[in-house]
């Protein structure tokens, strides 16, 4: 496992997803209430891109069929057995530059 920089914080709009591909991972990056969250990008329902969705009540909502996955656990709202993988996320503050969104990924 290694902490990997995904993007600058100012590249992610609060409540909206951002697609990032790194090391073979396709990820959906969200910022909710100032905190970063990173999930696998592919919705298990029909393969929709979660990064094209938005945040609603602490969940990433798939733009295709509105399935909502908890940002912290990846569990589908109302059906916890269905989920997407979540990765630990953090902000790396940098003096004089925007903070970086990082995720702990099983690579590098």
PDB file of N, CA and C in Angstrom:
ATOM      1  N   UNK A   1       0.853  -1.184   0.000  1.00  0.00           N
ATOM      2  CA  UNK A   1       0.000   0.000   0.000  1.00  0.00           C
ATOM      3  C   UNK A   1       0.891   1.237   0.000  1.00  0.00           C
ATOM      4  N   UNK A   2       0.466   2.234  -0.741  1.00  0.00           N
ATOM      5  CA  UNK A   2       1.230   3.476  -0.791  1.00  0.00           C
ATOM      6  C   UNK A   2       0.273   4.647  -0.998  1.00  0.00           C
ATOM      7  N   UNK A   3       0.635   5.779  -0.422  1.00  0.00           N
ATOM      8  CA  UNK A   3      -0.133   7.002  -0.647  1.00  0.00           C
ATOM      9  C   UNK A   3       0.243   7.550  -2.013  1.00  0.00           C
ATOM     10  N   UNK A   4      -0.779   7.792  -2.844  1.00  0.00           N
ATOM     11  CA  UNK A   4      -0.583   8.252  -4.212  1.00  0.00           C
ATOM     12  C   UNK A   4      -1.343   9.562  -4.404  1.00  0.00           C
ATOM     13  N   UNK A   5      -0.672  10.566  -4.969  1.00  0.00           N
ATOM     14  CA  UNK A   5      -1.337  11.841  -5.271  1.00  0.00           C
ATOM     15  C   UNK A   5      -2.219  11.668  -6.497  1.00  0.00           C
ATOM     16  N   UNK A   6      -3.479  12.108  -6.382  1.00  0.00           N
ATOM     17  CA  UNK A   6      -4.441  11.949  -7.462  1.00  0.00           C
ATOM     18  C   UNK A   6      -4.703  13.243  -8.221  1.00  0.00           C
ATOM     19  N   UNK A   7      -4.826  14.340  -7.490  1.00  0.00           N
ATOM     20  CA  UNK A   7      -5.119  15.627  -8.106  1.00  0.00           C
ATOM     21  C   UNK A   7      -4.979  16.714  -7.046  1.00  0.00           C
ATOM     22  N   UNK A   8      -5.062  17.950  -7.469  1.00  0.00           N
ATOM     23  CA  UNK A   8      -5.090  19.060  -6.522  1.00  0.00           C
ATOM     24  C   UNK A   8      -6.513  19.218  -6.002  1.00  0.00           C
ATOM     25  N   UNK A   9      -6.633  19.646  -4.766  1.00  0.00           N
ATOM     26  CA  UNK A   9      -7.950  19.845  -4.161  1.00  0.00           C
ATOM     27  C   UNK A   9      -8.796  20.816  -4.972  1.00  0.00           C
ATOM     28  N   UNK A  10      -8.167  21.858  -5.520  1.00  0.00           N
ATOM     29  CA  UNK A  10      -8.934  22.866  -6.270  1.00  0.00           C
ATOM     30  C   UNK A  10      -9.414  22.364  -7.634  1.00  0.00           C
ATOM     31  N   UNK A  11      -9.069  21.118  -7.997  1.00  0.00           N
ATOM     32  CA  UNK A  11      -9.564  20.518  -9.234  1.00  0.00           C
ATOM     33  C   UNK A  11     -10.857  19.735  -9.027  1.00  0.00           C
ATOM     34  N   UNK A  12     -11.280  19.622  -7.781  1.00  0.00           N
ATOM     35  CA  UNK A  12     -12.494  18.866  -7.452  1.00  0.00           C
ATOM     36  C   UNK A  12     -13.527  19.829  -6.877  1.00  0.00           C
ATOM     37  N   UNK A  13     -14.690  19.878  -7.495  1.00  0.00           N
ATOM     38  CA  UNK A  13     -15.771  20.728  -6.989  1.00  0.00           C
ATOM     39  C   UNK A  13     -16.477  20.014  -5.845  1.00  0.00           C
ATOM     40  N   UNK A  14     -16.707  20.727  -4.763  1.00  0.00           N
ATOM     41  CA  UNK A  14     -17.454  20.176  -3.625  1.00  0.00           C
ATOM     42  C   UNK A  14     -18.765  19.575  -4.129  1.00  0.00           C
ATOM     43  N   UNK A  15     -18.995  18.303  -3.790  1.00  0.00           N
ATOM     44  CA  UNK A  15     -20.255  17.653  -4.139  1.00  0.00           C
ATOM     45  C   UNK A  15     -20.335  17.077  -5.540  1.00  0.00           C
ATOM     46  N   UNK A  16     -19.270  17.215  -6.317  1.00  0.00           N
ATOM     47  CA  UNK A  16     -19.244  16.666  -7.682  1.00  0.00           C
ATOM     48  C   UNK A  16     -18.074  15.710  -7.805  1.00  0.00           C
ATOM     49  N   UNK A  17     -18.181  14.733  -8.674  1.00  0.00           N
ATOM     50  CA  UNK A  17     -17.113  13.758  -8.851  1.00  0.00           C
ATOM     51  C   UNK A  17     -16.064  14.205  -9.846  1.00  0.00           C
ATOM     52  N   UNK A  18     -14.882  13.624  -9.726  1.00  0.00           N
ATOM     53  CA  UNK A  18     -13.788  13.828 -10.678  1.00  0.00           C
ATOM     54  C   UNK A  18     -13.192  12.464 -10.987  1.00  0.00           C
ATOM     55  N   UNK A  19     -12.978  12.180 -12.271  1.00  0.00           N
ATOM     56  CA  UNK A  19     -12.365  10.939 -12.696  1.00  0.00           C
ATOM     57  C   UNK A  19     -10.849  11.074 -12.668  1.00  0.00           C
ATOM     58  N   UNK A  20     -10.185  10.065 -12.084  1.00  0.00           N
ATOM     59  CA  UNK A  20      -8.725  10.009 -12.065  1.00  0.00           C
ATOM     60  C   UNK A  20      -8.319   8.574 -12.372  1.00  0.00           C
ATOM     61  N   UNK A  21      -7.357   8.418 -13.280  1.00  0.00           N
ATOM     62  CA  UNK A  21      -6.807   7.098 -13.570  1.00  0.00           C
ATOM     63  C   UNK A  21      -5.327   7.113 -13.214  1.00  0.00           C
ATOM     64  N   UNK A  22      -4.928   6.159 -12.382  1.00  0.00           N
ATOM     65  CA  UNK A  22      -3.533   6.069 -11.951  1.00  0.00           C
ATOM     66  C   UNK A  22      -3.197   4.611 -11.662  1.00  0.00           C
ATOM     67  N   UNK A  23      -2.069   4.160 -12.167  1.00  0.00           N
ATOM     68  CA  UNK A  23      -1.595   2.815 -11.874  1.00  0.00           C
ATOM     69  C   UNK A  23      -2.581   1.711 -12.188  1.00  0.00           C
ATOM     70  N   UNK A  24      -3.394   1.894 -13.211  1.00  0.00           N
ATOM     71  CA  UNK A  24      -4.390   0.898 -13.577  1.00  0.00           C
ATOM     72  C   UNK A  24      -5.710   1.006 -12.825  1.00  0.00           C
ATOM     73  N   UNK A  25      -5.791   1.934 -11.885  1.00  0.00           N
ATOM     74  CA  UNK A  25      -7.031   2.156 -11.136  1.00  0.00           C
ATOM     75  C   UNK A  25      -7.829   3.282 -11.789  1.00  0.00           C
ATOM     76  N   UNK A  26      -9.122   3.049 -11.970  1.00  0.00           N
ATOM     77  CA  UNK A  26     -10.034   4.099 -12.417  1.00  0.00           C
ATOM     78  C   UNK A  26     -10.848   4.506 -11.201  1.00  0.00           C
ATOM     79  N   UNK A  27     -10.672   5.760 -10.779  1.00  0.00           N
ATOM     80  CA  UNK A  27     -11.193   6.213  -9.499  1.00  0.00           C
ATOM     81  C   UNK A  27     -12.149   7.385  -9.649  1.00  0.00           C
ATOM     82  N   UNK A  28     -13.070   7.467  -8.706  1.00  0.00           N
ATOM     83  CA  UNK A  28     -13.959   8.616  -8.568  1.00  0.00           C
ATOM     84  C   UNK A  28     -13.530   9.347  -7.297  1.00  0.00           C
ATOM     85  N   UNK A  29     -13.166  10.612  -7.449  1.00  0.00           N
ATOM     86  CA  UNK A  29     -12.728  11.432  -6.326  1.00  0.00           C
ATOM     87  C   UNK A  29     -13.837  12.423  -6.004  1.00  0.00           C
ATOM     88  N   UNK A  30     -14.197  12.503  -4.739  1.00  0.00           N
ATOM     89  CA  UNK A  30     -15.222  13.436  -4.282  1.00  0.00           C
ATOM     90  C   UNK A  30     -14.679  14.235  -3.105  1.00  0.00           C
ATOM     91  N   UNK A  31     -15.189  15.452  -2.949  1.00  0.00           N
ATOM     92  CA  UNK A  31     -14.951  16.243  -1.741  1.00  0.00           C
ATOM     93  C   UNK A  31     -16.322  16.555  -1.170  1.00  0.00           C
ATOM     94  N   UNK A  32     -16.503  16.160   0.095  1.00  0.00           N
ATOM     95  CA  UNK A  32     -17.774  16.381   0.781  1.00  0.00           C
ATOM     96  C   UNK A  32     -17.469  17.003   2.131  1.00  0.00           C
ATOM     97  N   UNK A  33     -18.040  18.154   2.374  1.00  0.00           N
ATOM     98  CA  UNK A  33     -17.808  18.898   3.614  1.00  0.00           C
ATOM     99  C   UNK A  33     -16.318  19.088   3.863  1.00  0.00           C
ATOM    100  N   UNK A  34     -15.594  19.360   2.780  1.00  0.00           N
ATOM    101  CA  UNK A  34     -14.171  19.664   2.859  1.00  0.00           C
ATOM    102  C   UNK A  34     -13.254  18.461   2.974  1.00  0.00           C
ATOM    103  N   UNK A  35     -13.810  17.247   3.013  1.00  0.00           N
ATOM    104  CA  UNK A  35     -13.005  16.032   3.154  1.00  0.00           C
ATOM    105  C   UNK A  35     -12.983  15.261   1.833  1.00  0.00           C
ATOM    106  N   UNK A  36     -11.825  14.657   1.497  1.00  0.00           N
ATOM    107  CA  UNK A  36     -11.753  13.872   0.263  1.00  0.00           C
ATOM    108  C   UNK A  36     -12.218  12.428   0.478  1.00  0.00           C
ATOM    109  N   UNK A  37     -12.802  11.872  -0.572  1.00  0.00           N
ATOM    110  CA  UNK A  37     -13.235  10.481  -0.584  1.00  0.00           C
ATOM    111  C   UNK A  37     -12.868   9.906  -1.945  1.00  0.00           C
ATOM    112  N   UNK A  38     -12.414   8.650  -1.956  1.00  0.00           N
ATOM    113  CA  UNK A  38     -11.994   8.005  -3.198  1.00  0.00           C
ATOM    114  C   UNK A  38     -12.634   6.621  -3.271  1.00  0.00           C
ATOM    115  N   UNK A  39     -13.319   6.365  -4.391  1.00  0.00           N
ATOM    116  CA  UNK A  39     -13.997   5.093  -4.624  1.00  0.00           C
ATOM    117  C   UNK A  39     -13.624   4.588  -6.006  1.00  0.00           C
ATOM    118  N   UNK A  40     -13.805   3.263  -6.217  1.00  0.00           N
ATOM    119  CA  UNK A  40     -13.705   2.759  -7.583  1.00  0.00           C
ATOM    120  C   UNK A  40     -14.750   3.490  -8.415  1.00  0.00           C
ATOM    121  N   UNK A  41     -14.415   3.765  -9.656  1.00  0.00           N
ATOM    122  CA  UNK A  41     -15.281   4.585 -10.495  1.00  0.00           C
ATOM    123  C   UNK A  41     -16.483   3.841 -11.055  1.00  0.00           C
ATOM    124  N   UNK A  42     -16.408   2.536 -11.179  1.00  0.00           N
ATOM    125  CA  UNK A  42     -17.451   1.772 -11.876  1.00  0.00           C
ATOM    126  C   UNK A  42     -18.579   1.357 -10.936  1.00  0.00           C
ATOM    127  N   UNK A  43     -19.794   1.756 -11.268  1.00  0.00           N
ATOM    128  CA  UNK A  43     -20.983   1.343 -10.523  1.00  0.00           C
ATOM    129  C   UNK A  43     -21.261  -0.131 -10.838  1.00  0.00           C
ATOM    130  N   UNK A  44     -21.490  -0.975  -9.819  1.00  0.00           N
ATOM    131  CA  UNK A  44     -21.722  -2.396 -10.064  1.00  0.00           C
ATOM    132  C   UNK A  44     -23.068  -2.706 -10.723  1.00  0.00           C
ATOM    133  N   UNK A  45     -23.964  -1.750 -10.771  1.00  0.00           N
ATOM    134  CA  UNK A  45     -25.287  -1.993 -11.344  1.00  0.00           C
ATOM    135  C   UNK A  45     -25.225  -2.150 -12.859  1.00  0.00           C
ATOM    136  N   UNK A  46     -24.746  -1.128 -13.546  1.00  0.00           N
ATOM    137  CA  UNK A  46     -24.708  -1.176 -15.007  1.00  0.00           C
ATOM    138  C   UNK A  46     -23.420  -0.585 -15.563  1.00  0.00           C
ATOM    139  N   UNK A  47     -22.417  -0.426 -14.708  1.00  0.00           N
ATOM    140  CA  UNK A  47     -21.117   0.058 -15.168  1.00  0.00           C
ATOM    141  C   UNK A  47     -21.011   1.558 -15.332  1.00  0.00           C
ATOM    142  N   UNK A  48     -21.949   2.302 -14.775  1.00  0.00           N
ATOM    143  CA  UNK A  48     -21.905   3.757 -14.871  1.00  0.00           C
ATOM    144  C   UNK A  48     -20.669   4.330 -14.194  1.00  0.00           C
ATOM    145  N   UNK A  49     -20.289   5.506 -14.626  1.00  0.00           N
ATOM    146  CA  UNK A  49     -19.128   6.200 -14.088  1.00  0.00           C
ATOM    147  C   UNK A  49     -19.545   7.038 -12.877  1.00  0.00           C
ATOM    148  N   UNK A  50     -19.161   6.574 -11.675  1.00  0.00           N
ATOM    149  CA  UNK A  50     -19.538   7.314 -10.462  1.00  0.00           C
ATOM    150  C   UNK A  50     -18.984   8.726 -10.456  1.00  0.00           C
ATOM    151  N   UNK A  51     -17.834   8.924 -11.111  1.00  0.00           N
ATOM    152  CA  UNK A  51     -17.243  10.263 -11.130  1.00  0.00           C
ATOM    153  C   UNK A  51     -18.120  11.282 -11.866  1.00  0.00           C
ATOM    154  N   UNK A  52     -19.043  10.807 -12.662  1.00  0.00           N
ATOM    155  CA  UNK A  52     -19.975  11.699 -13.348  1.00  0.00           C
ATOM    156  C   UNK A  52     -21.168  12.075 -12.491  1.00  0.00           C
ATOM    157  N   UNK A  53     -21.187  11.559 -11.267  1.00  0.00           N
ATOM    158  CA  UNK A  53     -22.311  11.802 -10.367  1.00  0.00           C
ATOM    159  C   UNK A  53     -22.077  12.938  -9.404  1.00  0.00           C
ATOM    160  N   UNK A  54     -22.892  12.932  -8.358  1.00  0.00           N
ATOM    161  CA  UNK A  54     -22.833  13.998  -7.354  1.00  0.00           C
ATOM    162  C   UNK A  54     -22.979  13.374  -5.970  1.00  0.00           C
ATOM    163  N   UNK A  55     -22.778  14.213  -4.952  1.00  0.00           N
ATOM    164  CA  UNK A  55     -22.921  13.768  -3.571  1.00  0.00           C
ATOM    165  C   UNK A  55     -24.290  14.198  -3.057  1.00  0.00           C
ATOM    166  N   UNK A  56     -24.966  13.251  -2.414  1.00  0.00           N
ATOM    167  CA  UNK A  56     -26.268  13.527  -1.814  1.00  0.00           C
ATOM    168  C   UNK A  56     -26.334  12.776  -0.488  1.00  0.00           C
ATOM    169  N   UNK A  57     -26.535  13.489   0.598  1.00  0.00           N
ATOM    170  CA  UNK A  57     -26.650  12.879   1.938  1.00  0.00           C
ATOM    171  C   UNK A  57     -25.486  11.941   2.256  1.00  0.00           C
ATOM    172  N   UNK A  58     -24.270  12.370   1.911  1.00  0.00           N
ATOM    173  CA  UNK A  58     -23.084  11.585   2.224  1.00  0.00           C
ATOM    174  C   UNK A  58     -22.848  10.393   1.316  1.00  0.00           C
ATOM    175  N   UNK A  59     -23.545  10.368   0.178  1.00  0.00           N
ATOM    176  CA  UNK A  59     -23.402   9.261  -0.773  1.00  0.00           C
ATOM    177  C   UNK A  59     -23.018   9.777  -2.157  1.00  0.00           C
ATOM    178  N   UNK A  60     -22.205   8.977  -2.860  1.00  0.00           N
ATOM    179  CA  UNK A  60     -21.913   9.244  -4.267  1.00  0.00           C
ATOM    180  C   UNK A  60     -23.057   8.635  -5.072  1.00  0.00           C
ATOM    181  N   UNK A  61     -23.726   9.459  -5.860  1.00  0.00           N
ATOM    182  CA  UNK A  61     -24.901   9.013  -6.617  1.00  0.00           C
ATOM    183  C   UNK A  61     -24.514   8.816  -8.083  1.00  0.00           C
ATOM    184  N   UNK A  62     -24.710   7.583  -8.565  1.00  0.00           N
ATOM    185  CA  UNK A  62     -24.400   7.257  -9.957  1.00  0.00           C
ATOM    186  C   UNK A  62     -25.337   8.040 -10.883  1.00  0.00           C
ATOM    187  N   UNK A  63     -24.786   8.658 -11.929  1.00  0.00           N
ATOM    188  CA  UNK A  63     -25.638   9.455 -12.822  1.00  0.00           C
ATOM    189  C   UNK A  63     -26.557   8.622 -13.712  1.00  0.00           C
ATOM    190  N   UNK A  64     -26.305   7.334 -13.871  1.00  0.00           N
ATOM    191  CA  UNK A  64     -27.124   6.522 -14.769  1.00  0.00           C
ATOM    192  C   UNK A  64     -28.456   6.125 -14.154  1.00  0.00           C
ATOM    193  N   UNK A  65     -28.450   5.507 -12.984  1.00  0.00           N
ATOM    194  CA  UNK A  65     -29.682   4.989 -12.396  1.00  0.00           C
ATOM    195  C   UNK A  65     -29.871   5.417 -10.948  1.00  0.00           C
ATOM    196  N   UNK A  66     -29.052   6.370 -10.508  1.00  0.00           N
ATOM    197  CA  UNK A  66     -29.185   7.007  -9.193  1.00  0.00           C
ATOM    198  C   UNK A  66     -28.939   6.074  -8.009  1.00  0.00           C
ATOM    199  N   UNK A  67     -28.134   5.035  -8.206  1.00  0.00           N
ATOM    200  CA  UNK A  67     -27.719   4.228  -7.064  1.00  0.00           C
ATOM    201  C   UNK A  67     -26.791   5.086  -6.214  1.00  0.00           C
ATOM    202  N   UNK A  68     -26.961   5.051  -4.896  1.00  0.00           N
ATOM    203  CA  UNK A  68     -26.217   5.915  -3.975  1.00  0.00           C
ATOM    204  C   UNK A  68     -25.319   5.077  -3.070  1.00  0.00           C
ATOM    205  N   UNK A  69     -24.015   5.350  -3.125  1.00  0.00           N
ATOM    206  CA  UNK A  69     -23.023   4.611  -2.360  1.00  0.00           C
ATOM    207  C   UNK A  69     -22.420   5.496  -1.279  1.00  0.00           C
ATOM    208  N   UNK A  70     -22.432   4.999  -0.048  1.00  0.00           N
ATOM    209  CA  UNK A  70     -21.877   5.744   1.076  1.00  0.00           C
ATOM    210  C   UNK A  70     -20.406   6.072   0.802  1.00  0.00           C
ATOM    211  N   UNK A  71     -20.045   7.338   0.957  1.00  0.00           N
ATOM    212  CA  UNK A  71     -18.681   7.763   0.661  1.00  0.00           C
ATOM    213  C   UNK A  71     -17.645   7.104   1.571  1.00  0.00           C
ATOM    214  N   UNK A  72     -18.014   6.799   2.784  1.00  0.00           N
ATOM    215  CA  UNK A  72     -17.070   6.234   3.734  1.00  0.00           C
ATOM    216  C   UNK A  72     -16.926   4.730   3.674  1.00  0.00           C
ATOM    217  N   UNK A  73     -18.004   4.033   3.299  1.00  0.00           N
ATOM    218  CA  UNK A  73     -17.975   2.563   3.308  1.00  0.00           C
ATOM    219  C   UNK A  73     -18.118   1.953   1.914  1.00  0.00           C
ATOM    220  N   UNK A  74     -18.645   2.712   0.969  1.00  0.00           N
ATOM    221  CA  UNK A  74     -18.898   2.193  -0.373  1.00  0.00           C
ATOM    222  C   UNK A  74     -20.174   1.391  -0.485  1.00  0.00           C
ATOM    223  N   UNK A  75     -20.917   1.246   0.612  1.00  0.00           N
ATOM    224  CA  UNK A  75     -22.134   0.434   0.612  1.00  0.00           C
ATOM    225  C   UNK A  75     -23.287   1.171  -0.068  1.00  0.00           C
ATOM    226  N   UNK A  76     -24.066   0.399  -0.826  1.00  0.00           N
ATOM    227  CA  UNK A  76     -25.262   0.939  -1.466  1.00  0.00           C
ATOM    228  C   UNK A  76     -26.287   1.279  -0.393  1.00  0.00           C
ATOM    229  N   UNK A  77     -26.840   2.466  -0.467  1.00  0.00           N
ATOM    230  CA  UNK A  77     -27.838   2.894   0.516  1.00  0.00           C
ATOM    231  C   UNK A  77     -29.021   1.930   0.495  1.00  0.00           C
ATOM    232  N   UNK A  78     -29.319   1.349   1.654  1.00  0.00           N
ATOM    233  CA  UNK A  78     -30.440   0.429   1.780  1.00  0.00           C
ATOM    234  C   UNK A  78     -30.113  -1.016   1.440  1.00  0.00           C
ATOM    235  N   UNK A  79     -28.939  -1.275   0.870  1.00  0.00           N
ATOM    236  CA  UNK A  79     -28.522  -2.636   0.508  1.00  0.00           C
ATOM    237  C   UNK A  79     -27.024  -2.781   0.758  1.00  0.00           C
ATOM    238  N   UNK A  80     -26.611  -2.872   2.022  1.00  0.00           N
ATOM    239  CA  UNK A  80     -25.188  -2.850   2.361  1.00  0.00           C
ATOM    240  C   UNK A  80     -24.354  -3.997   1.786  1.00  0.00           C
ATOM    241  N   UNK A  81     -24.981  -5.059   1.299  1.00  0.00           N
ATOM    242  CA  UNK A  81     -24.211  -6.156   0.705  1.00  0.00           C
ATOM    243  C   UNK A  81     -23.658  -5.772  -0.666  1.00  0.00           C
ATOM    244  N   UNK A  82     -24.252  -4.744  -1.278  1.00  0.00           N
ATOM    245  CA  UNK A  82     -23.782  -4.255  -2.570  1.00  0.00           C
ATOM    246  C   UNK A  82     -22.896  -3.051  -2.294  1.00  0.00           C
ATOM    247  N   UNK A  83     -21.666  -3.092  -2.836  1.00  0.00           N
ATOM    248  CA  UNK A  83     -20.793  -1.952  -2.570  1.00  0.00           C
ATOM    249  C   UNK A  83     -19.709  -1.803  -3.619  1.00  0.00           C
ATOM    250  N   UNK A  84     -19.091  -0.632  -3.600  1.00  0.00           N
ATOM    251  CA  UNK A  84     -17.908  -0.359  -4.400  1.00  0.00           C
ATOM    252  C   UNK A  84     -16.742  -0.197  -3.431  1.00  0.00           C
ATOM    253  N   UNK A  85     -15.551  -0.431  -3.930  1.00  0.00           N
ATOM    254  CA  UNK A  85     -14.374  -0.329  -3.069  1.00  0.00           C
ATOM    255  C   UNK A  85     -14.043   1.131  -2.780  1.00  0.00           C
ATOM    256  N   UNK A  86     -13.754   1.393  -1.518  1.00  0.00           N
ATOM    257  CA  UNK A  86     -13.313   2.721  -1.067  1.00  0.00           C
ATOM    258  C   UNK A  86     -11.842   2.619  -0.683  1.00  0.00           C
ATOM    259  N   UNK A  87     -11.159   3.726  -0.787  1.00  0.00           N
ATOM    260  CA  UNK A  87      -9.746   3.788  -0.422  1.00  0.00           C
ATOM    261  C   UNK A  87      -9.554   4.892   0.607  1.00  0.00           C
ATOM    262  N   UNK A  88      -8.676   4.667   1.585  1.00  0.00           N
ATOM    263  CA  UNK A  88      -8.364   5.753   2.522  1.00  0.00           C
ATOM    264  C   UNK A  88      -7.890   6.973   1.738  1.00  0.00           C
ATOM    265  N   UNK A  89      -8.374   8.139   2.128  1.00  0.00           N
ATOM    266  CA  UNK A  89      -8.020   9.376   1.420  1.00  0.00           C
ATOM    267  C   UNK A  89      -7.603  10.438   2.431  1.00  0.00           C
ATOM    268  N   UNK A  90      -6.755  11.335   1.964  1.00  0.00           N
ATOM    269  CA  UNK A  90      -6.290  12.425   2.812  1.00  0.00           C
ATOM    270  C   UNK A  90      -5.907  13.609   1.934  1.00  0.00           C
ATOM    271  N   UNK A  91      -5.740  14.754   2.606  1.00  0.00           N
ATOM    272  CA  UNK A  91      -5.215  15.947   1.944  1.00  0.00           C
ATOM    273  C   UNK A  91      -3.769  16.130   2.374  1.00  0.00           C
ATOM    274  N   UNK A  92      -2.912  16.415   1.419  1.00  0.00           N
ATOM    275  CA  UNK A  92      -1.514  16.735   1.698  1.00  0.00           C
ATOM    276  C   UNK A  92      -1.353  18.237   1.497  1.00  0.00           C
ATOM    277  N   UNK A  93      -1.231  18.950   2.593  1.00  0.00           N
ATOM    278  CA  UNK A  93      -1.076  20.409   2.528  1.00  0.00           C
ATOM    279  C   UNK A  93       0.325  20.744   2.030  1.00  0.00           C
ATOM    280  N   UNK A  94       0.412  21.776   1.198  1.00  0.00           N
ATOM    281  CA  UNK A  94       1.698  22.231   0.665  1.00  0.00           C
ATOM    282  C   UNK A  94       1.776  23.740   0.799  1.00  0.00           C
ATOM    283  N   UNK A  95       2.870  24.223   1.294  1.00  0.00           N
ATOM    284  CA  UNK A  95       3.023  25.661   1.509  1.00  0.00           C
ATOM    285  C   UNK A  95       3.038  26.402   0.174  1.00  0.00           C
ATOM    286  N   UNK A  96       2.128  27.359   0.047  1.00  0.00           N
ATOM    287  CA  UNK A  96       2.070  28.189  -1.142  1.00  0.00           C
ATOM    288  C   UNK A  96       1.462  27.525  -2.365  1.00  0.00           C
ATOM    289  N   UNK A  97       0.953  26.319  -2.219  1.00  0.00           N
ATOM    290  CA  UNK A  97       0.351  25.591  -3.343  1.00  0.00           C
ATOM    291  C   UNK A  97      -0.937  24.933  -2.869  1.00  0.00           C
ATOM    292  N   UNK A  98      -1.835  24.607  -3.804  1.00  0.00           N
ATOM    293  CA  UNK A  98      -3.061  23.899  -3.404  1.00  0.00           C
ATOM    294  C   UNK A  98      -2.745  22.540  -2.789  1.00  0.00           C
ATOM    295  N   UNK A  99      -3.566  22.123  -1.858  1.00  0.00           N
ATOM    296  CA  UNK A  99      -3.417  20.802  -1.249  1.00  0.00           C
ATOM    297  C   UNK A  99      -3.626  19.721  -2.309  1.00  0.00           C
ATOM    298  N   UNK A 100      -2.991  18.577  -2.090  1.00  0.00           N
ATOM    299  CA  UNK A 100      -3.158  17.426  -2.971  1.00  0.00           C
ATOM    300  C   UNK A 100      -4.121  16.429  -2.337  1.00  0.00           C
ATOM    301  N   UNK A 101      -4.981  15.840  -3.161  1.00  0.00           N
ATOM    302  CA  UNK A 101      -5.818  14.729  -2.728  1.00  0.00           C
ATOM    303  C   UNK A 101      -5.001  13.457  -2.961  1.00  0.00           C
ATOM    304  N   UNK A 102      -4.856  12.666  -1.900  1.00  0.00           N
ATOM    305  CA  UNK A 102      -4.125  11.415  -1.997  1.00  0.00           C
ATOM    306  C   UNK A 102      -5.015  10.255  -1.567  1.00  0.00           C
ATOM    307  N   UNK A 103      -4.729   9.088  -2.122  1.00  0.00           N
ATOM    308  CA  UNK A 103      -5.417   7.864  -1.729  1.00  0.00           C
ATOM    309  C   UNK A 103      -4.368   6.796  -1.438  1.00  0.00           C
ATOM    310  N   UNK A 104      -4.673   5.927  -0.486  1.00  0.00           N
ATOM    311  CA  UNK A 104      -3.782   4.805  -0.200  1.00  0.00           C
ATOM    312  C   UNK A 104      -4.210   3.643  -1.082  1.00  0.00           C
ATOM    313  N   UNK A 105      -3.367   3.331  -2.062  1.00  0.00           N
ATOM    314  CA  UNK A 105      -3.683   2.309  -3.060  1.00  0.00           C
ATOM    315  C   UNK A 105      -2.727   1.126  -2.941  1.00  0.00           C
ATOM    316  N   UNK A 106      -3.202  -0.063  -3.281  1.00  0.00           N
ATOM    317  CA  UNK A 106      -2.354  -1.258  -3.192  1.00  0.00           C
ATOM    318  C   UNK A 106      -1.419  -1.387  -4.395  1.00  0.00           C
ATOM    319  N   UNK A 107      -0.644  -0.326  -4.650  1.00  0.00           N
ATOM    320  CA  UNK A 107       0.310  -0.320  -5.778  1.00  0.00           C
ATOM    321  C   UNK A 107       1.558   0.443  -5.350  1.00  0.00           C
ATOM    322  N   UNK A 108       2.479   0.508  -6.267  1.00  0.00           N
ATOM    323  CA  UNK A 108       3.727   1.291  -6.129  1.00  0.00           C
ATOM    324  C   UNK A 108       4.519   0.720  -5.035  1.00  0.00           C
TER     325      UNK A 108
END
